[in-house]
């Protein structure tokens, strides 16, 4: 009787959980639509039109401080792909701006999406290591997923080049 009770509870919990879709290479990523400052970023506006790099970061992430400038440098004034930064902190906007400014004073006004409850991150596999970067090709499908930062900038550059060459 006791085992039956535990089995019933386990089944109820299993069926009440929302089944999460996993982001996989070759598949379309889950769409999102959120504010980035005063502008709304709707992923569906870019899917299938232009390659996209989505970089998830936190203000407590030291490797993120290295990746953001590199990605920004490659995307700034580059119309060949779109960079979307997603902040996963539960901190306030002032803390985020201070973090970006600590990287470079010009970065204080970089547009970013604020995801304090981690909804987007959860939809994108919720990695335990940041930065977490998703490369989406012009086809609108995921080309590459990277967890953590590669100190070899050539490696990141190869990923961006591969992204731009994807059909």
Foldseek 3Di string as FASTA:
>chain_A
DVVVVVVVVVVVVVVVDDDADEADFPAFADWDWADFDPDIDTPVVQQLAAKEKEWEDELVAPLVLVVVVLVCVVPPVDPRYYYEYEYAALDDLVSVLVSLVVSPVVRSRPTYGYRPVCPSCVNHVVDPADGWMWIAASNNGTHDIDGTHDPPVVVVVVVVVVRSPDD
